[in-house]
Amino acid sequence: MATEQIQGWSGGRDAFAAMLEIPGVSESLVWTARQRLATFVTPMPVCLRDGAQFYLRPILPGDSQRLARLSPRTVYRRFMGVPGKRMITYLFEVDYLEHFAWALTDEPDGLVVADARFIRHTDEPDSAELAFTVGDDYQGRGIGTLLMEALSVSAHASGVRRFTASVLAENHAMRSILNRYGARWKSDGPGVVTTILDVPHTRDLNLSPRASIQIDVATRQMVQALC
């Protein structure tokens, strides 16, 4: 018995070609295919500075049900409010091209302890807004830095050359991470600051060569699959 909406098509090549002429169908098929491909990316083991091992993989739609605990303060720092259902769907159903996201888990199929993403600016496709969230019980261990570097590798593989960020001025943890990569901040309204920085070059990252290659390959697998 189906528990979710089922989509499909029937008919031969001509029927398929006709379906592709319907506005939005082609884009929807590509989006679905990329999500399916993401499920086949093997979680990559990565080590923190304290030696603990976690696993990096593409974020998936079901991850919204596997999130580590986020305190109201952490949620506010990340979203500057409480995200609604539509926002949650947007965050976990990504296309990996305009909106790319990694999940960090405690086991290959375990709890999502953190996530990181970049979203291209429509008017500047080589520039993207970045953000990451780390569960309260996992903060202060270098996960944010690890995710920043993973995003940097993926950005280069995706043709993104600049990151932008908009954060609460009081979010010193996020600001400290970005400061290491050349962030220069300016006010953008009460309590909010923004920055623009070049995506760090892979040679300037602390990721192991093996991890960098794995992240690059996984990114290209999803981004270029149907281009």
Foldseek 3Di string as FASTA:
>chain_A
DDPDDDDDDDDDPVRVVVQVVPPPPVVVVLLVVLLVLQVPQFWDWDAFPVGQIKTKGWAAQPLVVQEADADPVLCCFQPVDHDDPVVSNDQRSDSLQQKTKMFIANDRPHHGQKMKIWGADPVGRLETEIGMGGHPVPPPGCVVLVRLLLVLLLSVLNNHFKYKYKGFPPPVVNVVSVVVQPWDWDDDDPRMIMTMGTRDDNVPGPGDPVVSVSSSVSSCCSNVVPD
